[in-house]
C-alpha cells in the first residue's frame, strides 16, 4: 500500500515532480524509511530522479510510465476493496460528505 501512496503522490505532482522531503511530509513517513522505500521503487523502474538545481543535495522525483501503469493496476484492486469495506456502508450523500471531509485533511 505504501508503494501505491508514493506513486499516487508522484502522479499528482505531475511534470514538476516533488522532493523526497515533501513526499515524506505528505505521507507521514520518516525520511529514513522513505529513502529505502524509494530505492526499491526506483530499482523496479517506477520512479525517476533528477538532481535539484536549487538544492544540490536534493533530488526531484517523478513517476515513470511503468509507475503510472502499476498505480492504475493497483487501484483496480485497492479501489474495489475500499468500495467493499466502506462504500457499501454509506449512502451516496454520506460518501460525498466523507470525501469532502477527507479532502480538507489533504
PDB file of N, CA and C in Angstrom:
ATOM      1  N   UNK A   1       0.815  -1.182   0.000  1.00  0.00           N
ATOM      2  CA  UNK A   1       0.000   0.000   0.000  1.00  0.00           C
ATOM      3  C   UNK A   1       0.870   1.262   0.000  1.00  0.00           C
ATOM      4  N   UNK A   2       2.033   1.200   0.632  1.00  0.00           N
ATOM      5  CA  UNK A   2       2.897   2.381   0.623  1.00  0.00           C
ATOM      6  C   UNK A   2       3.407   2.674  -0.786  1.00  0.00           C
ATOM      7  N   UNK A   3       3.625   1.635  -1.588  1.00  0.00           N
ATOM      8  CA  UNK A   3       4.019   1.871  -2.972  1.00  0.00           C
ATOM      9  C   UNK A   3       2.925   2.656  -3.676  1.00  0.00           C
ATOM     10  N   UNK A   4       1.692   2.255  -3.456  1.00  0.00           N
ATOM     11  CA  UNK A   4       0.570   2.950  -4.090  1.00  0.00           C
ATOM     12  C   UNK A   4       0.556   4.413  -3.676  1.00  0.00           C
ATOM     13  N   UNK A   5       0.710   4.683  -2.392  1.00  0.00           N
ATOM     14  CA  UNK A   5       0.673   6.058  -1.894  1.00  0.00           C
ATOM     15  C   UNK A   5       1.783   6.903  -2.510  1.00  0.00           C
ATOM     16  N   UNK A   6       2.976   6.346  -2.603  1.00  0.00           N
ATOM     17  CA  UNK A   6       4.102   7.068  -3.218  1.00  0.00           C
ATOM     18  C   UNK A   6       3.790   7.360  -4.681  1.00  0.00           C
ATOM     19  N   UNK A   7       3.368   6.345  -5.409  1.00  0.00           N
ATOM     20  CA  UNK A   7       3.091   6.527  -6.839  1.00  0.00           C
ATOM     21  C   UNK A   7       1.955   7.517  -7.069  1.00  0.00           C
ATOM     22  N   UNK A   8       0.935   7.474  -6.228  1.00  0.00           N
ATOM     23  CA  UNK A   8      -0.179   8.412  -6.364  1.00  0.00           C
ATOM     24  C   UNK A   8       0.289   9.847  -6.152  1.00  0.00           C
ATOM     25  N   UNK A   9       1.073  10.083  -5.111  1.00  0.00           N
ATOM     26  CA  UNK A   9       1.559  11.445  -4.849  1.00  0.00           C
ATOM     27  C   UNK A   9       2.477  11.938  -5.955  1.00  0.00           C
ATOM     28  N   UNK A  10       3.295  11.059  -6.497  1.00  0.00           N
ATOM     29  CA  UNK A  10       4.168  11.469  -7.606  1.00  0.00           C
ATOM     30  C   UNK A  10       3.357  11.741  -8.869  1.00  0.00           C
ATOM     31  N   UNK A  11       2.312  10.967  -9.082  1.00  0.00           N
ATOM     32  CA  UNK A  11       1.451  11.231 -10.242  1.00  0.00           C
ATOM     33  C   UNK A  11       0.737  12.568 -10.068  1.00  0.00           C
ATOM     34  N   UNK A  12       0.288  12.852  -8.853  1.00  0.00           N
ATOM     35  CA  UNK A  12      -0.365  14.135  -8.572  1.00  0.00           C
ATOM     36  C   UNK A  12       0.603  15.302  -8.743  1.00  0.00           C
ATOM     37  N   UNK A  13       1.882  15.083  -8.472  1.00  0.00           N
ATOM     38  CA  UNK A  13       2.883  16.145  -8.609  1.00  0.00           C
ATOM     39  C   UNK A  13       3.068  16.547 -10.071  1.00  0.00           C
ATOM     40  N   UNK A  14       2.745  15.656 -10.983  1.00  0.00           N
ATOM     41  CA  UNK A  14       2.800  15.964 -12.407  1.00  0.00           C
ATOM     42  C   UNK A  14       4.197  16.226 -12.926  1.00  0.00           C
ATOM     43  N   UNK A  15       4.275  17.125 -13.892  1.00  0.00           N
ATOM     44  CA  UNK A  15       5.538  17.410 -14.570  1.00  0.00           C
ATOM     45  C   UNK A  15       6.551  18.124 -13.681  1.00  0.00           C
ATOM     46  N   UNK A  16       6.091  18.704 -12.582  1.00  0.00           N
ATOM     47  CA  UNK A  16       7.008  19.391 -11.670  1.00  0.00           C
ATOM     48  C   UNK A  16       7.728  18.430 -10.745  1.00  0.00           C
ATOM     49  N   UNK A  17       7.175  17.235 -10.543  1.00  0.00           N
ATOM     50  CA  UNK A  17       7.768  16.287  -9.611  1.00  0.00           C
ATOM     51  C   UNK A  17       7.708  16.824  -8.191  1.00  0.00           C
ATOM     52  N   UNK A  18       8.403  16.160  -7.300  1.00  0.00           N
ATOM     53  CA  UNK A  18       8.441  16.606  -5.911  1.00  0.00           C
ATOM     54  C   UNK A  18       9.712  16.124  -5.237  1.00  0.00           C
ATOM     55  N   UNK A  19      10.108  16.819  -4.200  1.00  0.00           N
ATOM     56  CA  UNK A  19      11.273  16.407  -3.408  1.00  0.00           C
ATOM     57  C   UNK A  19      10.853  15.312  -2.436  1.00  0.00           C
ATOM     58  N   UNK A  20      11.817  14.487  -2.051  1.00  0.00           N
ATOM     59  CA  UNK A  20      11.545  13.418  -1.089  1.00  0.00           C
ATOM     60  C   UNK A  20      11.074  13.986   0.241  1.00  0.00           C
ATOM     61  N   UNK A  21      11.604  15.121   0.650  1.00  0.00           N
ATOM     62  CA  UNK A  21      11.196  15.725   1.929  1.00  0.00           C
ATOM     63  C   UNK A  21       9.722  16.116   1.911  1.00  0.00           C
ATOM     64  N   UNK A  22       9.246  16.624   0.791  1.00  0.00           N
ATOM     65  CA  UNK A  22       7.834  16.987   0.646  1.00  0.00           C
ATOM     66  C   UNK A  22       6.980  15.720   0.654  1.00  0.00           C
ATOM     67  N   UNK A  23       7.453  14.701  -0.036  1.00  0.00           N
ATOM     68  CA  UNK A  23       6.748  13.425  -0.081  1.00  0.00           C
ATOM     69  C   UNK A  23       6.647  12.820   1.322  1.00  0.00           C
ATOM     70  N   UNK A  24       7.721  12.886   2.083  1.00  0.00           N
ATOM     71  CA  UNK A  24       7.725  12.351   3.453  1.00  0.00           C
ATOM     72  C   UNK A  24       6.681  13.049   4.311  1.00  0.00           C
ATOM     73  N   UNK A  25       6.561  14.364   4.165  1.00  0.00           N
ATOM     74  CA  UNK A  25       5.554  15.118   4.922  1.00  0.00           C
ATOM     75  C   UNK A  25       4.142  14.699   4.533  1.00  0.00           C
ATOM     76  N   UNK A  26       3.896  14.575   3.244  1.00  0.00           N
ATOM     77  CA  UNK A  26       2.557  14.220   2.770  1.00  0.00           C
ATOM     78  C   UNK A  26       2.156  12.818   3.206  1.00  0.00           C
ATOM     79  N   UNK A  27       3.113  11.900   3.229  1.00  0.00           N
ATOM     80  CA  UNK A  27       2.812  10.508   3.553  1.00  0.00           C
ATOM     81  C   UNK A  27       3.011  10.185   5.029  1.00  0.00           C
ATOM     82  N   UNK A  28       3.486  11.164   5.790  1.00  0.00           N
ATOM     83  CA  UNK A  28       3.727  10.985   7.221  1.00  0.00           C
ATOM     84  C   UNK A  28       4.693   9.826   7.487  1.00  0.00           C
ATOM     85  N   UNK A  29       5.735   9.763   6.663  1.00  0.00           N
ATOM     86  CA  UNK A  29       6.752   8.728   6.808  1.00  0.00           C
ATOM     87  C   UNK A  29       8.072   9.352   7.247  1.00  0.00           C
ATOM     88  N   UNK A  30       8.844   8.655   8.071  1.00  0.00           N
ATOM     89  CA  UNK A  30      10.167   9.171   8.420  1.00  0.00           C
ATOM     90  C   UNK A  30      11.081   9.142   7.195  1.00  0.00           C
ATOM     91  N   UNK A  31      11.988  10.082   7.128  1.00  0.00           N
ATOM     92  CA  UNK A  31      12.873  10.211   5.965  1.00  0.00           C
ATOM     93  C   UNK A  31      13.654   8.923   5.699  1.00  0.00           C
ATOM     94  N   UNK A  32      14.181   8.293   6.757  1.00  0.00           N
ATOM     95  CA  UNK A  32      14.984   7.078   6.559  1.00  0.00           C
ATOM     96  C   UNK A  32      14.149   5.941   5.961  1.00  0.00           C
ATOM     97  N   UNK A  33      12.902   5.805   6.404  1.00  0.00           N
ATOM     98  CA  UNK A  33      12.039   4.763   5.860  1.00  0.00           C
ATOM     99  C   UNK A  33      11.653   5.041   4.421  1.00  0.00           C
ATOM    100  N   UNK A  34      11.386   6.304   4.135  1.00  0.00           N
ATOM    101  CA  UNK A  34      11.021   6.685   2.777  1.00  0.00           C
ATOM    102  C   UNK A  34      12.186   6.474   1.820  1.00  0.00           C
ATOM    103  N   UNK A  35      13.390   6.767   2.256  1.00  0.00           N
ATOM    104  CA  UNK A  35      14.560   6.600   1.385  1.00  0.00           C
ATOM    105  C   UNK A  35      14.696   5.158   0.921  1.00  0.00           C
ATOM    106  N   UNK A  36      14.539   4.216   1.837  1.00  0.00           N
ATOM    107  CA  UNK A  36      14.633   2.797   1.470  1.00  0.00           C
ATOM    108  C   UNK A  36      13.492   2.390   0.544  1.00  0.00           C
ATOM    109  N   UNK A  37      12.309   2.889   0.840  1.00  0.00           N
ATOM    110  CA  UNK A  37      11.148   2.604   0.002  1.00  0.00           C
ATOM    111  C   UNK A  37      11.358   3.147  -1.410  1.00  0.00           C
ATOM    112  N   UNK A  38      11.829   4.392  -1.509  1.00  0.00           N
ATOM    113  CA  UNK A  38      12.076   4.997  -2.821  1.00  0.00           C
ATOM    114  C   UNK A  38      13.137   4.234  -3.593  1.00  0.00           C
ATOM    115  N   UNK A  39      14.168   3.753  -2.907  1.00  0.00           N
ATOM    116  CA  UNK A  39      15.205   2.959  -3.577  1.00  0.00           C
ATOM    117  C   UNK A  39      14.610   1.708  -4.218  1.00  0.00           C
ATOM    118  N   UNK A  40      13.716   1.023  -3.490  1.00  0.00           N
ATOM    119  CA  UNK A  40      13.092  -0.196  -4.034  1.00  0.00           C
ATOM    120  C   UNK A  40      12.197   0.125  -5.226  1.00  0.00           C
ATOM    121  N   UNK A  41      11.429   1.209  -5.118  1.00  0.00           N
ATOM    122  CA  UNK A  41      10.534   1.574  -6.222  1.00  0.00           C
ATOM    123  C   UNK A  41      11.345   2.030  -7.436  1.00  0.00           C
ATOM    124  N   UNK A  42      12.428   2.741  -7.184  1.00  0.00           N
ATOM    125  CA  UNK A  42      13.292   3.197  -8.276  1.00  0.00           C
ATOM    126  C   UNK A  42      13.955   2.009  -8.976  1.00  0.00           C
ATOM    127  N   UNK A  43      14.462   1.035  -8.203  1.00  0.00           N
ATOM    128  CA  UNK A  43      15.086  -0.158  -8.791  1.00  0.00           C
ATOM    129  C   UNK A  43      14.104  -0.934  -9.659  1.00  0.00           C
ATOM    130  N   UNK A  44      12.834  -0.886  -9.297  1.00  0.00           N
ATOM    131  CA  UNK A  44      11.798  -1.562 -10.087  1.00  0.00           C
ATOM    132  C   UNK A  44      11.422  -0.766 -11.340  1.00  0.00           C
ATOM    133  N   UNK A  45      11.953   0.462 -11.453  1.00  0.00           N
ATOM    134  CA  UNK A  45      11.720   1.273 -12.654  1.00  0.00           C
ATOM    135  C   UNK A  45      10.461   2.114 -12.635  1.00  0.00           C
ATOM    136  N   UNK A  46       9.884   2.324 -11.447  1.00  0.00           N
ATOM    137  CA  UNK A  46       8.611   3.032 -11.377  1.00  0.00           C
ATOM    138  C   UNK A  46       8.726   4.511 -11.050  1.00  0.00           C
ATOM    139  N   UNK A  47       9.917   4.958 -10.681  1.00  0.00           N
ATOM    140  CA  UNK A  47      10.145   6.388 -10.475  1.00  0.00           C
ATOM    141  C   UNK A  47      11.466   6.791 -11.105  1.00  0.00           C
ATOM    142  N   UNK A  48      11.554   8.078 -11.413  1.00  0.00           N
ATOM    143  CA  UNK A  48      12.782   8.665 -11.954  1.00  0.00           C
ATOM    144  C   UNK A  48      13.209   9.786 -11.021  1.00  0.00           C
ATOM    145  N   UNK A  49      14.508  10.003 -10.923  1.00  0.00           N
ATOM    146  CA  UNK A  49      15.043  11.060 -10.072  1.00  0.00           C
ATOM    147  C   UNK A  49      15.990  11.930 -10.885  1.00  0.00           C
ATOM    148  N   UNK A  50      15.913  13.241 -10.662  1.00  0.00           N
ATOM    149  CA  UNK A  50      16.870  14.173 -11.255  1.00  0.00           C
ATOM    150  C   UNK A  50      17.372  15.096 -10.157  1.00  0.00           C
ATOM    151  N   UNK A  51      18.590  15.545 -10.306  1.00  0.00           N
ATOM    152  CA  UNK A  51      19.158  16.456  -9.318  1.00  0.00           C
ATOM    153  C   UNK A  51      18.408  17.775  -9.326  1.00  0.00           C
ATOM    154  N   UNK A  52      18.224  18.323  -8.145  1.00  0.00           N
ATOM    155  CA  UNK A  52      17.531  19.599  -7.985  1.00  0.00           C
ATOM    156  C   UNK A  52      18.521  20.727  -8.223  1.00  0.00           C
ATOM    157  N   UNK A  53      18.196  21.646  -9.132  1.00  0.00           N
ATOM    158  CA  UNK A  53      19.082  22.762  -9.455  1.00  0.00           C
ATOM    159  C   UNK A  53      19.276  23.708  -8.269  1.00  0.00           C
ATOM    160  N   UNK A  54      18.221  23.921  -7.487  1.00  0.00           N
ATOM    161  CA  UNK A  54      18.295  24.894  -6.401  1.00  0.00           C
ATOM    162  C   UNK A  54      18.860  24.313  -5.103  1.00  0.00           C
ATOM    163  N   UNK A  55      18.956  22.995  -5.002  1.00  0.00           N
ATOM    164  CA  UNK A  55      19.471  22.350  -3.795  1.00  0.00           C
ATOM    165  C   UNK A  55      20.296  21.151  -4.228  1.00  0.00           C
ATOM    166  N   UNK A  56      21.586  21.283  -4.178  1.00  0.00           N
ATOM    167  CA  UNK A  56      22.491  20.254  -4.664  1.00  0.00           C
ATOM    168  C   UNK A  56      22.361  18.922  -3.966  1.00  0.00           C
ATOM    169  N   UNK A  57      21.809  18.913  -2.751  1.00  0.00           N
ATOM    170  CA  UNK A  57      21.670  17.657  -2.006  1.00  0.00           C
ATOM    171  C   UNK A  57      20.376  16.929  -2.340  1.00  0.00           C
ATOM    172  N   UNK A  58      19.414  17.642  -2.877  1.00  0.00           N
ATOM    173  CA  UNK A  58      18.084  17.072  -3.097  1.00  0.00           C
ATOM    174  C   UNK A  58      17.916  16.555  -4.520  1.00  0.00           C
ATOM    175  N   UNK A  59      16.947  15.677  -4.666  1.00  0.00           N
ATOM    176  CA  UNK A  59      16.543  15.190  -5.973  1.00  0.00           C
ATOM    177  C   UNK A  59      15.047  15.429  -6.135  1.00  0.00           C
ATOM    178  N   UNK A  60      14.650  15.624  -7.380  1.00  0.00           N
ATOM    179  CA  UNK A  60      13.230  15.748  -7.698  1.00  0.00           C
ATOM    180  C   UNK A  60      12.778  14.380  -8.207  1.00  0.00           C
ATOM    181  N   UNK A  61      11.665  13.911  -7.667  1.00  0.00           N
ATOM    182  CA  UNK A  61      11.141  12.595  -8.004  1.00  0.00           C
ATOM    183  C   UNK A  61       9.970  12.722  -8.964  1.00  0.00           C
ATOM    184  N   UNK A  62       9.918  11.815  -9.913  1.00  0.00           N
ATOM    185  CA  UNK A  62       8.852  11.766 -10.913  1.00  0.00           C
ATOM    186  C   UNK A  62       8.383  10.333 -11.057  1.00  0.00           C
ATOM    187  N   UNK A  63       7.129  10.153 -11.355  1.00  0.00           N
ATOM    188  CA  UNK A  63       6.618   8.823 -11.652  1.00  0.00           C
ATOM    189  C   UNK A  63       6.946   8.493 -13.110  1.00  0.00           C
ATOM    190  N   UNK A  64       7.356   7.260 -13.356  1.00  0.00           N
ATOM    191  CA  UNK A  64       7.636   6.832 -14.729  1.00  0.00           C
ATOM    192  C   UNK A  64       6.351   6.298 -15.363  1.00  0.00           C
ATOM    193  N   UNK A  65       6.411   6.019 -16.636  1.00  0.00           N
ATOM    194  CA  UNK A  65       5.243   5.451 -17.318  1.00  0.00           C
ATOM    195  C   UNK A  65       4.874   4.092 -16.725  1.00  0.00           C
ATOM    196  N   UNK A  66       5.888   3.280 -16.412  1.00  0.00           N
ATOM    197  CA  UNK A  66       5.583   1.983 -15.796  1.00  0.00           C
ATOM    198  C   UNK A  66       5.016   2.178 -14.394  1.00  0.00           C
ATOM    199  N   UNK A  67       5.431   3.237 -13.712  1.00  0.00           N
ATOM    200  CA  UNK A  67       4.872   3.559 -12.403  1.00  0.00           C
ATOM    201  C   UNK A  67       3.405   3.935 -12.500  1.00  0.00           C
ATOM    202  N   UNK A  68       3.064   4.698 -13.539  1.00  0.00           N
ATOM    203  CA  UNK A  68       1.652   5.053 -13.765  1.00  0.00           C
ATOM    204  C   UNK A  68       0.820   3.815 -14.043  1.00  0.00           C
ATOM    205  N   UNK A  69       1.355   2.931 -14.859  1.00  0.00           N
ATOM    206  CA  UNK A  69       0.632   1.697 -15.177  1.00  0.00           C
ATOM    207  C   UNK A  69       0.442   0.839 -13.927  1.00  0.00           C
ATOM    208  N   UNK A  70       1.487   0.721 -13.115  1.00  0.00           N
ATOM    209  CA  UNK A  70       1.390  -0.068 -11.889  1.00  0.00           C
ATOM    210  C   UNK A  70       0.366   0.536 -10.939  1.00  0.00           C
ATOM    211  N   UNK A  71       0.381   1.858 -10.788  1.00  0.00           N
ATOM    212  CA  UNK A  71      -0.571   2.502  -9.883  1.00  0.00           C
ATOM    213  C   UNK A  71      -2.002   2.245 -10.346  1.00  0.00           C
ATOM    214  N   UNK A  72      -2.244   2.301 -11.640  1.00  0.00           N
ATOM    215  CA  UNK A  72      -3.583   2.034 -12.169  1.00  0.00           C
ATOM    216  C   UNK A  72      -4.003   0.591 -11.915  1.00  0.00           C
ATOM    217  N   UNK A  73      -3.075  -0.340 -12.080  1.00  0.00           N
ATOM    218  CA  UNK A  73      -3.376  -1.746 -11.803  1.00  0.00           C
ATOM    219  C   UNK A  73      -3.669  -1.944 -10.312  1.00  0.00           C
ATOM    220  N   UNK A  74      -2.901  -1.278  -9.464  1.00  0.00           N
ATOM    221  CA  UNK A  74      -3.108  -1.379  -8.023  1.00  0.00           C
ATOM    222  C   UNK A  74      -4.464  -0.788  -7.638  1.00  0.00           C
ATOM    223  N   UNK A  75      -4.855   0.302  -8.298  1.00  0.00           N
ATOM    224  CA  UNK A  75      -6.120   0.942  -7.967  1.00  0.00           C
ATOM    225  C   UNK A  75      -7.310   0.024  -8.246  1.00  0.00           C
ATOM    226  N   UNK A  76      -7.198  -0.794  -9.266  1.00  0.00           N
ATOM    227  CA  UNK A  76      -8.301  -1.704  -9.583  1.00  0.00           C
ATOM    228  C   UNK A  76      -8.594  -2.608  -8.383  1.00  0.00           C
ATOM    229  N   UNK A  77      -7.573  -3.037  -7.691  1.00  0.00           N
ATOM    230  CA  UNK A  77      -7.739  -3.892  -6.509  1.00  0.00           C
ATOM    231  C   UNK A  77      -8.055  -3.044  -5.279  1.00  0.00           C
ATOM    232  N   UNK A  78      -7.271  -2.014  -5.081  1.00  0.00           N
ATOM    233  CA  UNK A  78      -7.402  -1.129  -3.919  1.00  0.00           C
ATOM    234  C   UNK A  78      -8.777  -0.460  -3.897  1.00  0.00           C
ATOM    235  N   UNK A  79      -9.200   0.078  -5.016  1.00  0.00           N
ATOM    236  CA  UNK A  79     -10.491   0.757  -5.116  1.00  0.00           C
ATOM    237  C   UNK A  79     -11.653  -0.184  -4.843  1.00  0.00           C
ATOM    238  N   UNK A  80     -11.547  -1.393  -5.360  1.00  0.00           N
ATOM    239  CA  UNK A  80     -12.602  -2.380  -5.132  1.00  0.00           C
ATOM    240  C   UNK A  80     -12.689  -2.740  -3.649  1.00  0.00           C
ATOM    241  N   UNK A  81     -11.560  -2.841  -2.986  1.00  0.00           N
ATOM    242  CA  UNK A  81     -11.550  -3.156  -1.557  1.00  0.00           C
ATOM    243  C   UNK A  81     -12.115  -2.010  -0.721  1.00  0.00           C
ATOM    244  N   UNK A  82     -11.808  -0.789  -1.114  1.00  0.00           N
ATOM    245  CA  UNK A  82     -12.383   0.374  -0.418  1.00  0.00           C
ATOM    246  C   UNK A  82     -13.893   0.371  -0.586  1.00  0.00           C
ATOM    247  N   UNK A  83     -14.337   0.116  -1.793  1.00  0.00           N
ATOM    248  CA  UNK A  83     -15.777   0.055  -2.064  1.00  0.00           C
ATOM    249  C   UNK A  83     -16.434  -1.032  -1.226  1.00  0.00           C
ATOM    250  N   UNK A  84     -15.797  -2.194  -1.136  1.00  0.00           N
ATOM    251  CA  UNK A  84     -16.350  -3.308  -0.378  1.00  0.00           C
ATOM    252  C   UNK A  84     -16.390  -2.988   1.116  1.00  0.00           C
ATOM    253  N   UNK A  85     -15.308  -2.396   1.628  1.00  0.00           N
ATOM    254  CA  UNK A  85     -15.207  -2.157   3.062  1.00  0.00           C
ATOM    255  C   UNK A  85     -15.996  -0.943   3.541  1.00  0.00           C
ATOM    256  N   UNK A  86     -16.067   0.092   2.706  1.00  0.00           N
ATOM    257  CA  UNK A  86     -16.680   1.353   3.139  1.00  0.00           C
ATOM    258  C   UNK A  86     -17.898   1.717   2.309  1.00  0.00           C
ATOM    259  N   UNK A  87     -17.751   1.626   1.013  1.00  0.00           N
ATOM    260  CA  UNK A  87     -18.778   2.118   0.096  1.00  0.00           C
ATOM    261  C   UNK A  87     -20.147   1.525   0.296  1.00  0.00           C
ATOM    262  N   UNK A  88     -20.214   0.253   0.601  1.00  0.00           N
ATOM    263  CA  UNK A  88     -21.499  -0.402   0.772  1.00  0.00           C
ATOM    264  C   UNK A  88     -22.187   0.008   2.072  1.00  0.00           C
ATOM    265  N   UNK A  89     -21.441   0.638   2.962  1.00  0.00           N
ATOM    266  CA  UNK A  89     -21.985   1.014   4.261  1.00  0.00           C
ATOM    267  C   UNK A  89     -22.443   2.468   4.314  1.00  0.00           C
ATOM    268  N   UNK A  90     -22.186   3.214   3.238  1.00  0.00           N
ATOM    269  CA  UNK A  90     -22.530   4.635   3.204  1.00  0.00           C
ATOM    270  C   UNK A  90     -23.518   4.918   2.081  1.00  0.00           C
ATOM    271  N   UNK A  91     -24.392   5.859   2.333  1.00  0.00           N
ATOM    272  CA  UNK A  91     -25.264   6.332   1.255  1.00  0.00           C
ATOM    273  C   UNK A  91     -24.427   7.224   0.336  1.00  0.00           C
ATOM    274  N   UNK A  92     -24.972   7.590  -0.787  1.00  0.00           N
ATOM    275  CA  UNK A  92     -24.271   8.478  -1.715  1.00  0.00           C
ATOM    276  C   UNK A  92     -23.958   9.806  -1.031  1.00  0.00           C
ATOM    277  N   UNK A  93     -24.911  10.352  -0.301  1.00  0.00           N
ATOM    278  CA  UNK A  93     -24.718  11.627   0.400  1.00  0.00           C
ATOM    279  C   UNK A  93     -23.628  11.488   1.456  1.00  0.00           C
ATOM    280  N   UNK A  94     -23.631  10.391   2.203  1.00  0.00           N
ATOM    281  CA  UNK A  94     -22.608  10.164   3.229  1.00  0.00           C
ATOM    282  C   UNK A  94     -21.226  10.010   2.601  1.00  0.00           C
ATOM    283  N   UNK A  95     -21.150   9.302   1.494  1.00  0.00           N
ATOM    284  CA  UNK A  95     -19.874   9.120   0.798  1.00  0.00           C
ATOM    285  C   UNK A  95     -19.335  10.459   0.288  1.00  0.00           C
ATOM    286  N   UNK A  96     -20.215  11.307  -0.241  1.00  0.00           N
ATOM    287  CA  UNK A  96     -19.798  12.630  -0.707  1.00  0.00           C
ATOM    288  C   UNK A  96     -19.292  13.475   0.460  1.00  0.00           C
ATOM    289  N   UNK A  97     -19.971  13.413   1.593  1.00  0.00           N
ATOM    290  CA  UNK A  97     -19.555  14.162   2.776  1.00  0.00           C
ATOM    291  C   UNK A  97     -18.205  13.664   3.274  1.00  0.00           C
ATOM    292  N   UNK A  98     -18.015  12.347   3.304  1.00  0.00           N
ATOM    293  CA  UNK A  98     -16.735  11.781   3.719  1.00  0.00           C
ATOM    294  C   UNK A  98     -15.607  12.244   2.790  1.00  0.00           C
ATOM    295  N   UNK A  99     -15.861  12.225   1.494  1.00  0.00           N
ATOM    296  CA  UNK A  99     -14.853  12.675   0.526  1.00  0.00           C
ATOM    297  C   UNK A  99     -14.516  14.146   0.753  1.00  0.00           C
ATOM    298  N   UNK A 100     -15.515  14.945   1.047  1.00  0.00           N
ATOM    299  CA  UNK A 100     -15.305  16.371   1.307  1.00  0.00           C
ATOM    300  C   UNK A 100     -14.446  16.552   2.561  1.00  0.00           C
ATOM    301  N   UNK A 101     -14.770  15.839   3.620  1.00  0.00           N
ATOM    302  CA  UNK A 101     -14.014  15.962   4.872  1.00  0.00           C
ATOM    303  C   UNK A 101     -12.576  15.477   4.708  1.00  0.00           C
ATOM    304  N   UNK A 102     -12.398  14.361   4.031  1.00  0.00           N
ATOM    305  CA  UNK A 102     -11.049  13.861   3.801  1.00  0.00           C
ATOM    306  C   UNK A 102     -10.244  14.793   2.904  1.00  0.00           C
ATOM    307  N   UNK A 103     -10.922  15.439   1.956  1.00  0.00           N
ATOM    308  CA  UNK A 103     -10.254  16.425   1.100  1.00  0.00           C
ATOM    309  C   UNK A 103      -9.700  17.591   1.892  1.00  0.00           C
ATOM    310  N   UNK A 104     -10.401  17.982   2.950  1.00  0.00           N
ATOM    311  CA  UNK A 104      -9.906  19.065   3.805  1.00  0.00           C
ATOM    312  C   UNK A 104      -8.628  18.661   4.539  1.00  0.00           C
ATOM    313  N   UNK A 105      -8.521  17.394   4.888  1.00  0.00           N
ATOM    314  CA  UNK A 105      -7.330  16.917   5.583  1.00  0.00           C
ATOM    315  C   UNK A 105      -6.125  16.834   4.644  1.00  0.00           C
ATOM    316  N   UNK A 106      -6.396  16.643   3.393  1.00  0.00           N
ATOM    317  CA  UNK A 106      -5.322  16.515   2.402  1.00  0.00           C
ATOM    318  C   UNK A 106      -4.668  17.843   2.214  1.00  0.00           C
TER     319      UNK A 106
END
